[in-house]
Structure formats: C-alpha cells, structure tokens
Amino acid sequence: MADISSSLSMPFIQPSQAQKHVTHNEALRILDVVTQLGVAADDQTTPPTSPADGTRYIIDAGGVNEWANHEGEVALFENGVWRFFVPRAGWRAYVINRDALVVYDGAEWIDLDSPELEEIETFGLGMNSLPDTPFSAKLNATLWTALYRADGGNGSLLKTLNKEASADDNGFVFQQDFQTRALLGLFGSDNLRLATTPDGTNFVDALIADNATGIVDQPRLPRFKGVTNFDNFCPAGTWTKIAINDLEYNEQAVFDAATNQFIVPVDGTYQLGALLTFKADSSTAARMGAQLLINGVTPISGSQVENTAAHFNGRTTISIQTLASLSAGSTVELHGIMRSQPGYFMADRTDFWGFKVG
C-alpha cells in the first residue's frame, strides 16, 4: 500500500498505525494549503521578517535564508516555521499583491495574461480548434468594444488583417453549414472584392474597388446597350417595335436580340433610355413618337415622347430617359410611331439602353 497520495502527496493512515490523528491532521494541513490557493506574493526571494501564521508565498528565483533551494515552491509559515510544497502542473494560485492569477505549467508559474500565453499553438472556445484554424470558437454572439478614455484607452477600435504579398488572400469568408457562400476582402490582389458563390467553387464578383483609384466596378451589374443596324420602316399611324439587333454590351445576357426585348433578371429599379433618329420615306411631314412598353402592353410612365416640330432627314431626334420599378421575368420593348406620313428610324443612330440602379 502506498504511503502518500499520487497528486498532493498527502500521507495515508497505515494499518495498525499508532497516533493516526497525526497522519490525518497532516493530510488536512496539505489540503488547507493547496486548495483554493492564494499567496501573498510570488516575486520575493527573502522570507518576510514577521509573517502572519498561515501566510503563503510562491518563492521567486534566487531564494535565500530559509527559502534557499525552494524556487517555485509554495512556502507556508505555520507555528513559527516554514514548510514547503512542490507544485504540480495545473496548480493555480491567486497572487494577492499583484491581483493576478497564475498557473504552474510543470516547469514554472506563468500569469494567465502572460506574454507566454501568446505562444500557444491552438485555442478552442466552445469547440476543439480545427486543423487549419488554430483559433476556433463556437458561439452565438460576439462583442468587440473600444477601450474608453475613462478606462485608459483612446475610445477607438481598430482591427487589422495582414497578408504577406499582393497575390495572397486576406479577408472574410462567409459560410453556411461550412460551405462558402461569399468573400469580402483582398483576394488574389490588392483590390477590395465582394464575391458570391452558389457552390463554394464558382465565384462571381459583385463589387471590385480599385486600390489605386478607389473606383468601384460592378462586373455583374445587369446592363445593356444596343442599336439597330438597318433603317426600321414605320407605317403612318402604326406603333412599331424597333429591332435592336447590334449590341454594344449585354451584361448577363439581359437583352434578347432575337425578340428585341430587355428581359428583367431580378426585381429592382432600372434606368432606361433610348435615342431615335428620323429618316424620311417619301415626305418629311412625318412626325416621330416613341415609348417603352412592359410585356409589350403597358407603357412605362415617363417614357412616352413625341416631336411635333418640323423634321429634318437624319438630324431630328427624340430621346427617352426614365426610371422604372420592374419585376423579374418582365420584358421591356422600344416602340416607335410616325404620324401623318410613313418614315424610318435610322440605322446606327437609333439605340436602346438600360441598367439596374437599385
């Protein structure tokens, strides 16, 4: 049978032992010293001259007099003499004179807010740290607040994320059930980038801010501009859909040249416009008008224009600019009319354009 306990080295009462109370009291004394351990100080090397009975210290390096050769041990002053206890890894103590909490790591006592804790390799809060994320936390809310001036701070809060080289990544990855859905930061360059993905593999850029100029690009903004490459004939008094068949740009393929329609990709507010140029058929007495129609039926408010002044071949124009709240899947068409006499909407000088603004 062992004589002492494995953790605190408390003596065991042996069979047929005389004066069992002595052993029992010694075990209680050890418990009294190390349980809820609080020490007066941990930065002294010389025993105090008049310590109170029961006072405890953690002896600093270089102990002298009665503390010589007891570096790092817990010293207890009791009944006029010093007793010493060798700590084991995991012991914790509250240091009264420094208002600090320390822990013994098996070799030395360290502050729980010591710079040495900065050297820990992994840290998990509410979960085990993941292999590629040494710091991992599982929680429902976080709060970061500036240190106020009244508390010794400057009232500001700055968080710095740093990367090594321009081609590296630096930013935030937003996930759903650990599947990436968006990125925000400096990914692959020094331009600020907001990108989304439906599958964690194929990314599309919603915003890119150039780091040198500050100019913001919206690569996926729904937008189009097209012209007609032939003279569109319009009979007198008949609304005619104008064929916009030569596209200068067509982001996300929102304009269908086969049907001459802008197809609204998502709900939102769109700015739309058109410029129409007159070309005479047999008479310049024709008078131009134009409008934008939703689904080929409903005129968009503010899009109906007409020029009743004298027309000059290749020089007289009318224009449309308007905002419209449109629903996904709706179509918008450009229609024109000639009053009194037939005429043409001139090739290469009649266009239709639009883009999403909100």
Protein backbone atom coordinates (compact mmCIF):
# COMPACT_ATOMS: atom_id res chain seq x y z
CA MET A 1 0.00 0.00 0.00
CA ALA A 2 1.34 3.46 -0.93
CA ASP A 3 2.35 5.85 1.85
CA ILE A 4 1.18 9.05 0.13
CA SER A 5 -1.41 10.15 -2.42
CA SER A 6 -0.31 10.49 -6.05
CA SER A 7 -1.41 14.11 -6.64
CA LEU A 8 -0.99 16.10 -3.43
CA SER A 9 1.39 13.75 -1.59
CA MET A 10 -0.95 13.54 1.38
CA PRO A 11 0.09 10.81 3.87
CA PHE A 12 -2.14 7.75 4.23
CA ILE A 13 -3.05 6.17 7.55
CA GLN A 14 -1.39 2.77 7.65
CA PRO A 15 -2.81 -0.44 9.18
CA SER A 16 -2.14 -0.78 12.93
CA GLN A 17 -0.62 2.71 12.93
CA ALA A 18 -0.32 4.47 16.27
CA GLN A 19 -1.35 8.11 16.61
CA LYS A 20 -3.46 8.03 13.47
CA HIS A 21 -4.63 11.55 14.15
CA VAL A 22 -1.15 12.87 13.37
CA THR A 23 -1.26 11.47 9.84
CA HIS A 24 -4.84 12.56 9.36
CA ASN A 25 -4.11 16.10 10.50
CA GLU A 26 -1.08 16.30 8.20
CA ALA A 27 -3.26 15.38 5.22
CA LEU A 28 -5.78 18.05 6.21
CA ARG A 29 -2.96 20.57 6.53
CA ILE A 30 -1.81 19.89 2.98
CA LEU A 31 -5.37 20.26 1.69
CA ASP A 32 -5.68 23.51 3.59
CA VAL A 33 -2.54 24.87 1.93
CA VAL A 34 -3.14 23.97 -1.73
CA THR A 35 -6.95 24.07 -2.01
CA GLN A 36 -8.28 27.47 -3.16
CA LEU A 37 -4.65 28.54 -3.19
CA GLY A 38 -3.99 32.21 -2.55
CA VAL A 39 -0.48 33.57 -1.97
CA ALA A 40 0.63 36.91 -0.60
CA ALA A 41 3.23 37.36 -3.34
CA ASP A 42 5.22 35.48 -5.97
CA ASP A 43 8.04 37.96 -6.58
CA GLN A 44 10.02 37.73 -3.35
CA THR A 45 13.27 35.89 -2.63
CA THR A 46 13.68 36.72 1.06
CA PRO A 47 11.34 35.42 3.76
CA PRO A 48 9.42 38.27 5.48
CA THR A 49 10.61 39.05 8.99
CA SER A 50 7.25 38.82 10.74
CA PRO A 51 4.84 36.78 8.63
CA ALA A 52 1.37 36.02 9.92
CA ASP A 53 0.64 32.40 10.72
CA GLY A 54 -0.84 30.67 7.68
CA THR A 55 0.65 33.11 5.16
CA ARG A 56 1.66 31.53 1.85
CA TYR A 57 4.16 32.62 -0.82
CA ILE A 58 5.41 31.36 -4.17
CA ILE A 59 9.17 31.67 -3.91
CA ASP A 60 10.83 33.61 -6.73
CA ALA A 61 14.14 32.53 -8.31
CA GLY A 62 17.17 33.05 -6.08
CA GLY A 63 15.56 32.38 -2.70
CA VAL A 64 17.78 32.99 0.34
CA ASN A 65 17.85 32.06 4.02
CA GLU A 66 15.07 29.58 4.80
CA TRP A 67 13.84 29.86 1.18
CA ALA A 68 17.14 28.84 -0.40
CA ASN A 69 16.80 25.99 -2.93
CA HIS A 70 12.98 26.20 -2.92
CA GLU A 71 12.47 28.21 -6.11
CA GLY A 72 8.90 27.94 -7.41
CA GLU A 73 7.62 26.10 -4.35
CA VAL A 74 4.72 27.18 -2.19
CA ALA A 75 6.01 28.30 1.20
CA LEU A 76 3.69 28.20 4.23
CA PHE A 77 4.53 29.90 7.53
CA GLU A 78 2.96 27.85 10.32
CA ASN A 79 3.74 27.53 14.02
CA GLY A 80 6.88 29.64 13.64
CA VAL A 81 8.49 27.62 10.86
CA TRP A 82 8.42 27.50 7.06
CA ARG A 83 7.02 24.47 5.27
CA PHE A 84 7.39 23.90 1.52
CA PHE A 85 5.15 22.26 -1.07
CA VAL A 86 6.32 21.28 -4.55
CA PRO A 87 3.70 22.27 -7.17
CA ARG A 88 2.49 20.05 -9.98
CA ALA A 89 1.33 21.00 -13.47
CA GLY A 90 -2.11 22.53 -13.35
CA TRP A 91 -1.91 24.13 -9.91
CA ARG A 92 -3.41 27.61 -9.92
CA ALA A 93 -2.98 30.41 -7.42
CA TYR A 94 -4.27 33.91 -6.87
CA VAL A 95 -1.42 36.37 -6.17
CA ILE A 96 -2.79 38.99 -3.79
CA ASN A 97 -0.17 41.73 -4.13
CA ARG A 98 -0.42 41.75 -7.95
CA ASP A 99 -4.12 40.92 -8.29
CA ALA A 100 -3.11 38.20 -10.74
CA LEU A 101 -3.97 34.59 -11.45
CA VAL A 102 -1.08 32.23 -12.15
CA VAL A 103 -0.81 28.61 -13.24
CA TYR A 104 2.04 26.11 -12.93
CA ASP A 105 2.85 24.54 -16.31
CA GLY A 106 5.13 21.81 -14.94
CA ALA A 107 8.26 23.94 -15.07
CA GLU A 108 7.32 27.42 -13.87
CA TRP A 109 4.49 29.64 -12.74
CA ILE A 110 3.05 31.84 -15.51
CA ASP A 111 0.44 34.58 -15.47
CA LEU A 112 -2.77 33.70 -17.23
CA ASP A 113 -2.37 37.04 -19.04
CA SER A 114 1.36 36.50 -19.51
CA PRO A 115 3.02 37.10 -22.89
CA GLU A 116 3.99 33.43 -22.70
CA LEU A 117 0.38 32.54 -23.42
CA GLU A 118 0.80 34.20 -26.80
CA GLU A 119 2.90 31.22 -27.79
CA ILE A 120 0.07 28.69 -27.51
CA GLU A 121 -0.45 26.90 -30.81
CA THR A 122 -4.20 26.28 -30.70
CA PHE A 123 -7.19 27.66 -28.83
CA GLY A 124 -10.76 26.43 -28.97
CA LEU A 125 -13.68 28.33 -27.45
CA GLY A 126 -16.72 26.09 -27.09
CA MET A 127 -15.20 23.59 -29.53
CA ASN A 128 -11.97 21.91 -30.48
CA SER A 129 -9.77 24.02 -32.71
CA LEU A 130 -9.82 22.85 -36.31
CA PRO A 131 -6.64 21.71 -38.12
CA ASP A 132 -6.44 24.75 -40.41
CA THR A 133 -7.87 27.26 -37.91
CA PRO A 134 -5.77 27.28 -34.71
CA PHE A 135 -8.27 29.67 -33.13
CA SER A 136 -11.83 28.34 -33.30
CA ALA A 137 -14.95 29.48 -31.49
CA LYS A 138 -18.49 28.12 -31.36
CA LEU A 139 -20.92 30.71 -30.02
CA ASN A 140 -23.99 32.76 -30.93
CA ALA A 141 -22.77 36.31 -30.46
CA THR A 142 -19.58 38.32 -30.03
CA LEU A 143 -18.86 41.88 -28.95
CA TRP A 144 -15.76 43.95 -29.63
CA THR A 145 -15.72 47.36 -27.98
CA ALA A 146 -13.19 50.13 -27.83
CA LEU A 147 -11.37 50.82 -24.58
CA TYR A 148 -12.96 54.06 -23.40
CA ARG A 149 -10.86 57.07 -22.42
CA ALA A 150 -12.17 56.81 -18.86
CA ASP A 151 -10.67 53.32 -18.72
CA GLY A 152 -7.29 54.39 -20.08
CA GLY A 153 -7.96 53.86 -23.78
CA ASN A 154 -8.40 56.27 -26.69
CA GLY A 155 -12.05 55.47 -27.49
CA SER A 156 -11.25 53.87 -30.87
CA LEU A 157 -11.33 50.27 -32.05
CA LEU A 158 -9.22 49.10 -34.99
CA LYS A 159 -8.92 45.54 -36.27
CA THR A 160 -6.01 44.82 -38.59
CA LEU A 161 -5.87 41.91 -41.03
CA ASN A 162 -2.50 41.49 -42.72
CA LYS A 163 -1.24 39.38 -45.62
CA GLU A 164 2.27 38.78 -46.88
CA ALA A 165 2.08 39.52 -50.62
CA SER A 166 -0.30 41.01 -53.15
CA ALA A 167 -1.21 37.64 -54.67
CA ASP A 168 -2.18 36.23 -51.26
CA ASP A 169 -5.65 36.32 -49.73
CA ASN A 170 -6.82 38.50 -46.84
CA GLY A 171 -10.44 38.85 -45.84
CA PHE A 172 -13.65 37.32 -44.59
CA VAL A 173 -15.16 34.04 -45.78
CA PHE A 174 -18.89 33.70 -45.17
CA GLN A 175 -20.24 30.15 -44.97
CA GLN A 176 -23.46 28.24 -44.50
CA ASP A 177 -23.01 24.89 -42.75
CA PHE A 178 -19.28 25.20 -43.60
CA GLN A 179 -19.99 25.77 -47.32
CA THR A 180 -18.62 29.06 -48.63
CA ARG A 181 -21.22 31.49 -49.96
CA ALA A 182 -19.37 34.85 -50.11
CA LEU A 183 -15.95 36.53 -49.85
CA LEU A 184 -15.10 40.05 -48.76
CA GLY A 185 -11.53 41.31 -48.75
CA LEU A 186 -8.30 41.35 -50.72
CA PHE A 187 -8.41 38.04 -52.57
CA GLY A 188 -5.65 37.44 -55.09
CA SER A 189 -4.84 41.15 -55.42
CA ASP A 190 -4.87 44.43 -53.50
CA ASN A 191 -8.31 45.41 -54.80
CA LEU A 192 -11.23 45.16 -52.39
CA ARG A 193 -13.50 42.42 -53.67
CA LEU A 194 -17.01 41.23 -52.83
CA ALA A 195 -17.76 37.90 -54.48
CA THR A 196 -20.55 35.35 -54.14
CA THR A 197 -20.82 31.67 -54.96
CA PRO A 198 -23.65 29.13 -55.09
CA ASP A 199 -21.38 26.13 -54.55
CA GLY A 200 -18.12 27.26 -52.92
CA THR A 201 -16.24 26.73 -56.20
CA ASN A 202 -17.55 29.08 -58.86
CA PHE A 203 -17.31 32.74 -57.77
CA VAL A 204 -18.81 35.84 -59.34
CA ASP A 205 -17.66 39.36 -58.44
CA ALA A 206 -20.40 41.71 -57.28
CA LEU A 207 -18.09 44.63 -56.43
CA ILE A 208 -14.42 45.41 -57.05
CA ALA A 209 -12.86 48.61 -55.67
CA ASP A 210 -9.56 49.55 -57.31
CA ASN A 211 -6.98 50.14 -54.57
CA ALA A 212 -5.18 52.87 -56.55
CA THR A 213 -8.14 54.96 -57.74
CA GLY A 214 -10.98 53.98 -55.41
CA ILE A 215 -13.20 53.48 -58.45
CA VAL A 216 -15.85 50.81 -57.82
CA ASP A 217 -16.77 48.39 -60.59
CA GLN A 218 -19.88 46.21 -60.64
CA PRO A 219 -18.89 43.42 -63.04
CA ARG A 220 -22.24 41.64 -62.78
CA LEU A 221 -24.49 44.70 -62.94
CA PRO A 222 -27.40 43.94 -65.32
CA ARG A 223 -26.97 46.38 -68.22
CA PHE A 224 -27.25 46.58 -71.98
CA LYS A 225 -26.93 48.95 -74.92
CA GLY A 226 -27.79 48.19 -78.49
CA VAL A 227 -28.53 49.88 -81.81
CA THR A 228 -30.42 48.94 -84.94
CA ASN A 229 -28.15 48.29 -87.90
CA PHE A 230 -30.83 48.89 -90.53
CA ASP A 231 -33.46 51.51 -91.21
CA ASN A 232 -36.65 50.42 -89.42
CA PHE A 233 -39.69 51.26 -91.59
CA CYS A 234 -42.75 52.53 -89.72
CA PRO A 235 -46.14 52.90 -91.47
CA ALA A 236 -48.10 56.05 -90.75
CA GLY A 237 -50.13 55.91 -87.53
CA THR A 238 -48.87 52.44 -86.50
CA TRP A 239 -46.86 51.65 -83.36
CA THR A 240 -43.93 49.51 -84.44
CA LYS A 241 -41.42 47.57 -82.32
CA ILE A 242 -37.92 48.71 -83.21
CA ALA A 243 -35.40 46.00 -83.88
CA ILE A 244 -32.33 46.47 -81.67
CA ASN A 245 -30.07 43.83 -83.15
CA ASP A 246 -26.50 45.11 -82.74
CA LEU A 247 -25.44 45.01 -79.05
CA GLU A 248 -22.50 47.08 -77.84
CA TYR A 249 -22.64 45.33 -74.46
CA ASN A 250 -25.03 42.96 -72.80
CA GLU A 251 -24.04 42.00 -69.23
CA GLN A 252 -25.64 38.76 -68.07
CA ALA A 253 -27.34 38.47 -71.48
CA VAL A 254 -30.28 40.58 -70.31
CA PHE A 255 -31.19 41.73 -73.84
CA ASP A 256 -32.57 39.20 -76.31
CA ALA A 257 -31.78 40.41 -79.83
CA ALA A 258 -33.98 37.68 -81.33
CA THR A 259 -37.10 39.21 -79.74
CA ASN A 260 -35.79 42.79 -79.37
CA GLN A 261 -36.59 42.73 -75.64
CA PHE A 262 -34.86 43.59 -72.41
CA ILE A 263 -35.64 40.70 -70.03
CA VAL A 264 -35.58 41.84 -66.39
CA PRO A 265 -33.22 39.48 -64.48
CA VAL A 266 -34.19 40.43 -60.90
CA ASP A 267 -36.69 42.67 -59.15
CA GLY A 268 -35.43 46.23 -58.83
CA THR A 269 -35.31 49.79 -60.10
CA TYR A 270 -33.88 50.28 -63.57
CA GLN A 271 -32.82 53.31 -65.56
CA LEU A 272 -33.85 53.02 -69.19
CA GLY A 273 -33.27 55.22 -72.18
CA ALA A 274 -33.43 55.46 -75.95
CA LEU A 275 -32.44 57.80 -78.77
CA LEU A 276 -34.32 57.68 -82.08
CA THR A 277 -33.25 59.46 -85.29
CA PHE A 278 -35.65 60.35 -88.13
CA LYS A 279 -35.15 59.25 -91.72
CA ALA A 280 -37.74 60.30 -94.30
CA ASP A 281 -39.56 57.89 -96.55
CA SER A 282 -41.36 59.99 -99.13
CA SER A 283 -42.07 63.07 -97.00
CA THR A 284 -40.57 64.98 -94.10
CA ALA A 285 -44.11 65.71 -92.92
CA ALA A 286 -43.94 62.55 -90.76
CA ARG A 287 -43.78 63.20 -87.02
CA MET A 288 -41.91 60.82 -84.67
CA GLY A 289 -43.12 59.40 -81.36
CA ALA A 290 -41.76 56.65 -79.09
CA GLN A 291 -42.47 54.75 -75.87
CA LEU A 292 -41.24 51.83 -73.77
CA LEU A 293 -43.70 49.00 -73.15
CA ILE A 294 -43.70 46.43 -70.35
CA ASN A 295 -44.52 42.97 -71.66
CA GLY A 296 -45.43 44.58 -74.99
CA VAL A 297 -48.57 46.15 -73.49
CA THR A 298 -48.15 48.69 -70.68
CA PRO A 299 -46.33 51.98 -71.34
CA ILE A 300 -43.73 52.90 -68.72
CA SER A 301 -44.59 56.19 -67.05
CA GLY A 302 -42.37 58.98 -68.36
CA SER A 303 -41.31 57.05 -71.46
CA GLN A 304 -43.85 58.46 -73.95
CA VAL A 305 -42.30 61.20 -76.10
CA GLU A 306 -43.20 62.86 -79.43
CA ASN A 307 -41.71 65.59 -81.62
CA THR A 308 -44.28 67.69 -83.48
CA ALA A 309 -41.85 70.24 -84.91
CA ALA A 310 -40.54 70.17 -88.45
CA HIS A 311 -38.43 67.10 -89.16
CA PHE A 312 -35.11 67.06 -90.99
CA ASN A 313 -33.77 63.90 -92.53
CA GLY A 314 -31.02 62.34 -90.41
CA ARG A 315 -30.98 65.25 -87.96
CA THR A 316 -34.25 65.25 -86.00
CA THR A 317 -34.13 63.08 -82.86
CA ILE A 318 -36.21 62.26 -79.82
CA SER A 319 -34.93 60.72 -76.59
CA ILE A 320 -36.29 58.83 -73.60
CA GLN A 321 -34.87 58.69 -70.07
CA THR A 322 -36.85 57.21 -67.21
CA LEU A 323 -36.76 55.09 -64.08
CA ALA A 324 -38.97 52.05 -63.66
CA SER A 325 -39.62 49.51 -60.91
CA LEU A 326 -39.61 46.17 -62.70
CA SER A 327 -40.24 42.57 -61.72
CA ALA A 328 -38.01 39.64 -62.64
CA GLY A 329 -39.09 38.00 -65.89
CA SER A 330 -40.83 41.08 -67.27
CA THR A 331 -39.83 42.39 -70.69
CA VAL A 332 -39.32 45.93 -71.99
CA GLU A 333 -39.53 46.87 -75.67
CA LEU A 334 -38.87 50.08 -77.61
CA HIS A 335 -41.77 51.10 -79.88
CA GLY A 336 -41.95 53.98 -82.34
CA ILE A 337 -44.66 55.68 -84.40
CA MET A 338 -44.84 58.04 -87.39
CA ARG A 339 -47.75 60.46 -87.54
CA SER A 340 -49.27 61.64 -90.86
CA GLN A 341 -46.67 60.03 -93.12
CA PRO A 342 -44.59 56.85 -93.02
CA GLY A 343 -40.91 57.06 -92.21
CA TYR A 344 -37.85 55.27 -90.85
CA PHE A 345 -35.98 55.06 -87.61
CA MET A 346 -32.45 55.49 -88.85
CA ALA A 347 -29.85 52.71 -88.80
CA ASP A 348 -26.83 53.08 -86.46
CA ARG A 349 -28.37 56.20 -84.92
CA THR A 350 -31.29 54.62 -83.08
CA ASP A 351 -30.40 52.92 -79.80
CA PHE A 352 -31.88 51.48 -76.59
CA TRP A 353 -30.10 51.04 -73.24
CA GLY A 354 -30.66 50.30 -69.56
CA PHE A 355 -29.12 49.16 -66.26
CA LYS A 356 -30.11 48.33 -62.70
CA VAL A 357 -29.75 51.15 -60.17
CA GLY A 358 -31.39 49.71 -57.07
